[in-house]
N, C-alpha and C. Protein backbone atom coordinates (compact mmCIF):
# COMPACT_ATOMS: atom_id res chain seq x y z
N PHE A 1 0.83 -1.18 0.00
CA PHE A 1 0.00 0.00 0.00
C PHE A 1 0.88 1.25 0.00
N PHE A 2 0.41 2.29 -0.60
CA PHE A 2 1.07 3.58 -0.44
C PHE A 2 0.02 4.59 -0.03
N PHE A 3 0.47 5.64 0.64
CA PHE A 3 -0.47 6.55 1.26
C PHE A 3 -0.35 7.96 0.68
N SER A 4 -1.44 8.66 0.67
CA SER A 4 -1.46 10.07 0.35
C SER A 4 -2.53 10.69 1.23
N SER A 5 -2.62 11.98 1.24
CA SER A 5 -3.62 12.64 2.08
C SER A 5 -4.58 13.44 1.22
N ARG A 6 -5.82 13.43 1.57
CA ARG A 6 -6.86 14.22 0.90
C ARG A 6 -7.47 15.13 1.95
N ARG A 7 -7.73 16.33 1.58
CA ARG A 7 -8.31 17.28 2.53
C ARG A 7 -9.83 17.11 2.53
N ARG A 8 -10.38 16.80 3.69
CA ARG A 8 -11.82 16.66 3.86
C ARG A 8 -12.26 17.68 4.91
N HIS A 9 -13.02 18.62 4.50
CA HIS A 9 -13.49 19.69 5.39
C HIS A 9 -12.28 20.37 6.01
N THR A 10 -12.02 20.18 7.29
CA THR A 10 -10.87 20.84 7.91
C THR A 10 -9.85 19.83 8.41
N ARG A 11 -10.00 18.56 8.05
CA ARG A 11 -9.10 17.52 8.53
C ARG A 11 -8.52 16.76 7.35
N PHE A 12 -7.35 16.19 7.57
CA PHE A 12 -6.76 15.35 6.55
C PHE A 12 -7.28 13.93 6.69
N LEU A 13 -7.57 13.30 5.58
CA LEU A 13 -8.05 11.93 5.57
C LEU A 13 -7.06 11.10 4.77
N PRO A 14 -6.33 10.19 5.41
CA PRO A 14 -5.37 9.37 4.68
C PRO A 14 -6.09 8.47 3.68
N VAL A 15 -5.47 8.31 2.52
CA VAL A 15 -6.03 7.47 1.46
C VAL A 15 -4.99 6.42 1.10
N SER A 16 -5.43 5.17 0.96
CA SER A 16 -4.55 4.08 0.58
C SER A 16 -5.02 3.50 -0.74
N TRP A 17 -4.07 3.22 -1.62
CA TRP A 17 -4.38 2.58 -2.90
C TRP A 17 -3.71 1.22 -2.88
N ALA A 18 -4.47 0.17 -3.06
CA ALA A 18 -3.92 -1.18 -3.00
C ALA A 18 -3.20 -1.49 -4.30
N ARG A 19 -1.89 -1.64 -4.24
CA ARG A 19 -1.10 -1.95 -5.44
C ARG A 19 -1.40 -3.36 -5.94
N ARG A 20 -1.59 -4.29 -5.02
CA ARG A 20 -1.81 -5.68 -5.39
C ARG A 20 -3.04 -5.81 -6.30
N CYS A 21 -4.09 -5.09 -5.99
CA CYS A 21 -5.31 -5.16 -6.79
C CYS A 21 -5.06 -4.67 -8.21
N VAL A 22 -4.22 -3.66 -8.34
CA VAL A 22 -3.93 -3.10 -9.66
C VAL A 22 -3.15 -4.12 -10.49
N GLN A 23 -2.22 -4.83 -9.87
CA GLN A 23 -1.39 -5.79 -10.60
C GLN A 23 -2.18 -7.03 -10.99
N GLU A 24 -3.12 -7.47 -10.17
CA GLU A 24 -3.86 -8.70 -10.45
C GLU A 24 -4.97 -8.50 -11.47
N THR A 25 -5.50 -7.32 -11.56
CA THR A 25 -6.58 -7.06 -12.52
C THR A 25 -6.25 -5.80 -13.31
N ASP A 26 -6.99 -5.61 -14.38
CA ASP A 26 -6.79 -4.41 -15.19
C ASP A 26 -7.66 -3.26 -14.71
N GLU A 27 -8.43 -3.49 -13.67
CA GLU A 27 -9.33 -2.46 -13.17
C GLU A 27 -8.56 -1.34 -12.50
N LYS A 28 -9.14 -0.17 -12.54
CA LYS A 28 -8.55 0.97 -11.85
C LYS A 28 -8.77 0.80 -10.35
N PRO A 29 -7.73 0.99 -9.54
CA PRO A 29 -7.91 0.77 -8.10
C PRO A 29 -8.81 1.83 -7.48
N GLU A 30 -9.57 1.40 -6.50
CA GLU A 30 -10.42 2.32 -5.78
C GLU A 30 -9.68 2.79 -4.54
N PRO A 31 -9.85 4.03 -4.17
CA PRO A 31 -9.17 4.51 -2.96
C PRO A 31 -9.79 3.91 -1.70
N ILE A 32 -8.96 3.66 -0.71
CA ILE A 32 -9.42 3.19 0.59
C ILE A 32 -9.19 4.34 1.56
N TYR A 33 -10.26 4.94 2.04
CA TYR A 33 -10.17 6.07 2.95
C TYR A 33 -9.99 5.56 4.37
N LEU A 34 -8.97 6.04 5.03
CA LEU A 34 -8.65 5.60 6.39
C LEU A 34 -9.08 6.65 7.39
N ILE A 35 -9.71 6.22 8.46
CA ILE A 35 -10.14 7.13 9.51
C ILE A 35 -8.98 7.27 10.49
N PRO A 36 -8.48 8.49 10.69
CA PRO A 36 -7.27 8.68 11.51
C PRO A 36 -7.37 8.10 12.92
N GLU A 37 -8.55 8.13 13.52
CA GLU A 37 -8.70 7.62 14.88
C GLU A 37 -8.45 6.11 14.95
N PHE A 38 -8.63 5.41 13.82
CA PHE A 38 -8.45 3.97 13.80
C PHE A 38 -7.09 3.55 13.25
N CYS A 39 -6.27 4.50 12.84
CA CYS A 39 -4.95 4.19 12.28
C CYS A 39 -3.92 4.16 13.40
N VAL A 40 -3.09 3.13 13.37
CA VAL A 40 -2.04 2.98 14.37
C VAL A 40 -0.73 2.74 13.63
N LEU A 41 0.28 3.48 14.01
CA LEU A 41 1.58 3.26 13.39
C LEU A 41 2.17 1.96 13.90
N THR A 42 2.74 1.19 13.00
CA THR A 42 3.39 -0.05 13.38
C THR A 42 4.79 -0.07 12.80
N GLY A 43 5.61 -0.96 13.32
CA GLY A 43 6.97 -1.07 12.82
C GLY A 43 7.91 -0.16 13.58
N LEU A 44 9.16 -0.18 13.17
CA LEU A 44 10.20 0.60 13.81
C LEU A 44 10.82 1.56 12.81
N SER A 45 11.10 2.75 13.26
CA SER A 45 11.80 3.69 12.40
C SER A 45 13.28 3.32 12.38
N ASP A 46 14.02 3.87 11.44
CA ASP A 46 15.46 3.61 11.36
C ASP A 46 16.16 4.09 12.63
N GLU A 47 15.70 5.19 13.18
CA GLU A 47 16.29 5.72 14.41
C GLU A 47 16.10 4.73 15.56
N MET A 48 14.93 4.12 15.64
CA MET A 48 14.68 3.14 16.71
C MET A 48 15.54 1.90 16.50
N ARG A 49 15.66 1.45 15.25
CA ARG A 49 16.48 0.26 14.97
C ARG A 49 17.94 0.48 15.32
N ASN A 50 18.42 1.69 15.14
CA ASN A 50 19.82 2.00 15.40
C ASN A 50 20.10 2.27 16.87
N ASN A 51 19.05 2.39 17.69
CA ASN A 51 19.22 2.65 19.12
C ASN A 51 19.37 1.31 19.85
N PHE A 52 20.56 1.04 20.36
CA PHE A 52 20.85 -0.25 21.00
C PHE A 52 19.95 -0.50 22.19
N ASN A 53 19.75 0.52 23.04
CA ASN A 53 18.94 0.33 24.25
C ASN A 53 17.49 0.01 23.91
N THR A 54 16.95 0.66 22.90
CA THR A 54 15.57 0.38 22.49
C THR A 54 15.44 -1.06 22.00
N MET A 55 16.38 -1.48 21.17
CA MET A 55 16.32 -2.84 20.63
C MET A 55 16.52 -3.87 21.74
N LYS A 56 17.35 -3.57 22.73
CA LYS A 56 17.57 -4.48 23.85
C LYS A 56 16.28 -4.64 24.67
N LYS A 57 15.60 -3.53 24.95
CA LYS A 57 14.35 -3.60 25.70
C LYS A 57 13.26 -4.31 24.90
N LEU A 58 13.22 -4.06 23.60
CA LEU A 58 12.25 -4.72 22.74
C LEU A 58 12.48 -6.23 22.71
N ALA A 59 13.74 -6.64 22.67
CA ALA A 59 14.07 -8.07 22.67
C ALA A 59 13.66 -8.74 23.98
N GLN A 60 13.76 -8.03 25.08
CA GLN A 60 13.34 -8.59 26.37
C GLN A 60 11.85 -8.89 26.37
N ILE A 61 11.08 -8.08 25.67
CA ILE A 61 9.63 -8.28 25.63
C ILE A 61 9.25 -9.34 24.61
N THR A 62 9.83 -9.25 23.41
CA THR A 62 9.42 -10.15 22.34
C THR A 62 10.10 -11.52 22.40
N LYS A 63 11.23 -11.61 23.09
CA LYS A 63 11.95 -12.89 23.19
C LYS A 63 12.25 -13.20 24.65
N PRO A 64 11.23 -13.52 25.44
CA PRO A 64 11.48 -13.81 26.86
C PRO A 64 12.24 -15.12 27.03
N VAL A 65 12.94 -15.22 28.14
CA VAL A 65 13.66 -16.46 28.44
C VAL A 65 12.61 -17.56 28.66
N PRO A 66 12.97 -18.81 28.44
CA PRO A 66 12.00 -19.90 28.56
C PRO A 66 11.28 -19.95 29.90
N ALA A 67 12.00 -19.68 31.00
CA ALA A 67 11.36 -19.73 32.33
C ALA A 67 10.24 -18.69 32.44
N LYS A 68 10.47 -17.49 31.92
CA LYS A 68 9.44 -16.45 31.98
C LYS A 68 8.27 -16.81 31.07
N ARG A 69 8.56 -17.36 29.89
CA ARG A 69 7.50 -17.77 28.97
C ARG A 69 6.62 -18.84 29.62
N LEU A 70 7.24 -19.80 30.31
CA LEU A 70 6.50 -20.85 31.00
C LEU A 70 5.65 -20.27 32.13
N GLN A 71 6.22 -19.33 32.86
CA GLN A 71 5.50 -18.69 33.96
C GLN A 71 4.27 -17.93 33.44
N GLU A 72 4.44 -17.21 32.33
CA GLU A 72 3.31 -16.45 31.77
C GLU A 72 2.24 -17.39 31.22
N ALA A 73 2.65 -18.50 30.60
CA ALA A 73 1.67 -19.47 30.09
C ALA A 73 0.91 -20.10 31.25
N SER A 74 1.60 -20.43 32.33
CA SER A 74 0.94 -21.01 33.50
C SER A 74 -0.04 -20.02 34.12
N GLN A 75 0.34 -18.75 34.17
CA GLN A 75 -0.55 -17.73 34.72
C GLN A 75 -1.79 -17.56 33.85
N LEU A 76 -1.61 -17.62 32.55
CA LEU A 76 -2.76 -17.54 31.64
C LEU A 76 -3.73 -18.68 31.89
N ILE A 77 -3.21 -19.90 32.04
CA ILE A 77 -4.07 -21.06 32.28
C ILE A 77 -4.78 -20.94 33.63
N LYS A 78 -4.07 -20.45 34.66
CA LYS A 78 -4.70 -20.25 35.97
C LYS A 78 -5.85 -19.26 35.86
N ASN A 79 -5.63 -18.18 35.11
CA ASN A 79 -6.69 -17.18 34.93
C ASN A 79 -7.88 -17.77 34.18
N MET A 80 -7.60 -18.62 33.20
CA MET A 80 -8.69 -19.25 32.45
C MET A 80 -9.49 -20.20 33.33
N ILE A 81 -8.80 -20.96 34.17
CA ILE A 81 -9.47 -21.89 35.07
C ILE A 81 -10.31 -21.15 36.10
N ALA A 82 -9.82 -19.99 36.56
CA ALA A 82 -10.52 -19.22 37.57
C ALA A 82 -11.76 -18.52 37.02
N ASN A 83 -11.82 -18.27 35.73
CA ASN A 83 -12.95 -17.58 35.11
C ASN A 83 -14.08 -18.59 34.89
N GLN A 84 -15.21 -18.38 35.54
CA GLN A 84 -16.33 -19.31 35.47
C GLN A 84 -16.90 -19.46 34.05
N GLU A 85 -16.96 -18.37 33.33
CA GLU A 85 -17.51 -18.41 31.98
C GLU A 85 -16.63 -19.28 31.07
N ILE A 86 -15.34 -19.10 31.17
CA ILE A 86 -14.41 -19.91 30.37
C ILE A 86 -14.46 -21.36 30.84
N LYS A 87 -14.54 -21.55 32.14
CA LYS A 87 -14.59 -22.92 32.69
C LYS A 87 -15.82 -23.66 32.16
N GLN A 88 -16.96 -22.98 32.06
CA GLN A 88 -18.16 -23.61 31.52
C GLN A 88 -17.96 -24.01 30.06
N ASP A 89 -17.33 -23.13 29.28
CA ASP A 89 -17.06 -23.46 27.88
C ASP A 89 -16.11 -24.65 27.77
N LEU A 90 -15.08 -24.68 28.60
CA LEU A 90 -14.14 -25.80 28.57
C LEU A 90 -14.83 -27.10 28.94
N ASP A 91 -15.69 -27.05 29.96
CA ASP A 91 -16.44 -28.25 30.36
C ASP A 91 -17.38 -28.70 29.25
N TYR A 92 -18.03 -27.75 28.58
CA TYR A 92 -18.94 -28.08 27.49
C TYR A 92 -18.21 -28.84 26.38
N TRP A 93 -16.99 -28.41 26.07
CA TRP A 93 -16.22 -29.04 25.00
C TRP A 93 -15.40 -30.23 25.49
N GLY A 94 -15.45 -30.50 26.79
CA GLY A 94 -14.70 -31.64 27.33
C GLY A 94 -13.20 -31.40 27.38
N ILE A 95 -12.80 -30.16 27.60
CA ILE A 95 -11.38 -29.81 27.65
C ILE A 95 -10.98 -29.63 29.10
N ASN A 96 -9.91 -30.31 29.50
CA ASN A 96 -9.39 -30.18 30.86
C ASN A 96 -8.02 -29.50 30.80
N LEU A 97 -7.86 -28.44 31.57
CA LEU A 97 -6.59 -27.74 31.64
C LEU A 97 -6.03 -27.88 33.04
N THR A 98 -4.72 -28.02 33.13
CA THR A 98 -4.04 -27.99 34.42
C THR A 98 -3.00 -26.89 34.38
N ASP A 99 -2.78 -26.27 35.52
CA ASP A 99 -1.79 -25.19 35.55
C ASP A 99 -0.37 -25.70 35.73
N VAL A 100 -0.21 -27.02 35.83
CA VAL A 100 1.12 -27.62 35.95
C VAL A 100 1.51 -28.15 34.57
N PRO A 101 2.63 -27.67 34.02
CA PRO A 101 3.01 -28.13 32.68
C PRO A 101 3.40 -29.60 32.66
N LEU A 102 3.19 -30.24 31.55
CA LEU A 102 3.54 -31.64 31.37
C LEU A 102 5.04 -31.75 31.18
N GLU A 103 5.67 -32.61 31.94
CA GLU A 103 7.12 -32.80 31.81
C GLU A 103 7.38 -33.97 30.89
N ILE A 104 8.25 -33.75 29.94
CA ILE A 104 8.59 -34.77 28.95
C ILE A 104 10.09 -34.99 28.98
N ALA A 105 10.50 -36.24 29.07
CA ALA A 105 11.93 -36.56 29.03
C ALA A 105 12.42 -36.40 27.59
N ALA A 106 13.50 -35.67 27.42
CA ALA A 106 14.02 -35.45 26.08
C ALA A 106 15.52 -35.20 26.14
N ASP A 107 16.15 -35.31 25.02
CA ASP A 107 17.57 -35.02 24.90
C ASP A 107 17.74 -33.83 23.97
N LYS A 108 18.73 -33.02 24.27
CA LYS A 108 19.03 -31.87 23.42
C LYS A 108 20.12 -32.29 22.44
N ILE A 109 19.88 -32.04 21.19
CA ILE A 109 20.85 -32.39 20.16
C ILE A 109 21.64 -31.14 19.81
N ASP A 110 22.95 -31.24 19.86
CA ASP A 110 23.81 -30.11 19.53
C ASP A 110 23.74 -29.83 18.03
N ALA A 111 23.89 -28.57 17.70
CA ALA A 111 23.86 -28.17 16.30
C ALA A 111 25.07 -28.76 15.58
N GLY A 112 24.84 -29.17 14.36
CA GLY A 112 25.93 -29.72 13.56
C GLY A 112 26.73 -28.63 12.87
N ASP A 113 27.86 -29.00 12.33
CA ASP A 113 28.70 -28.06 11.59
C ASP A 113 28.22 -28.00 10.15
N ILE A 114 28.24 -26.82 9.59
CA ILE A 114 27.87 -26.63 8.19
C ILE A 114 29.14 -26.55 7.38
N LEU A 115 29.28 -27.46 6.42
CA LEU A 115 30.45 -27.48 5.56
C LEU A 115 30.10 -26.83 4.23
N MET A 116 30.91 -25.87 3.85
CA MET A 116 30.66 -25.16 2.59
C MET A 116 31.59 -25.74 1.51
N GLY A 117 31.14 -25.73 0.29
CA GLY A 117 31.95 -26.21 -0.83
C GLY A 117 33.15 -25.32 -1.04
N GLN A 118 34.23 -25.91 -1.58
CA GLN A 118 35.44 -25.11 -1.77
C GLN A 118 35.64 -24.73 -3.18
């Protein structure tokens, strides 16, 4: 998508034109008018990507250590079990949840070496 602005009364109204639709058909694309209150910026700017501290904090949130991920999953299941409405739905479907994770015996396999052609 690419964006442009159109002036509507006294406010700007972002307009999006779908490129994909233009490429797939010979039809002229129709504008998609976006309501500013419902638009949310996503992604990272170059300045944010180049900021080490920002990227470090972002990685802590998006890539939690396994122990924290397990703790958050357990807390989610506890909250689901405590909610009567969810519990009724689970019982209706015959689903049983426990807040204790299932332990499975396993071995960790070390990564192999990658040999490149010479």
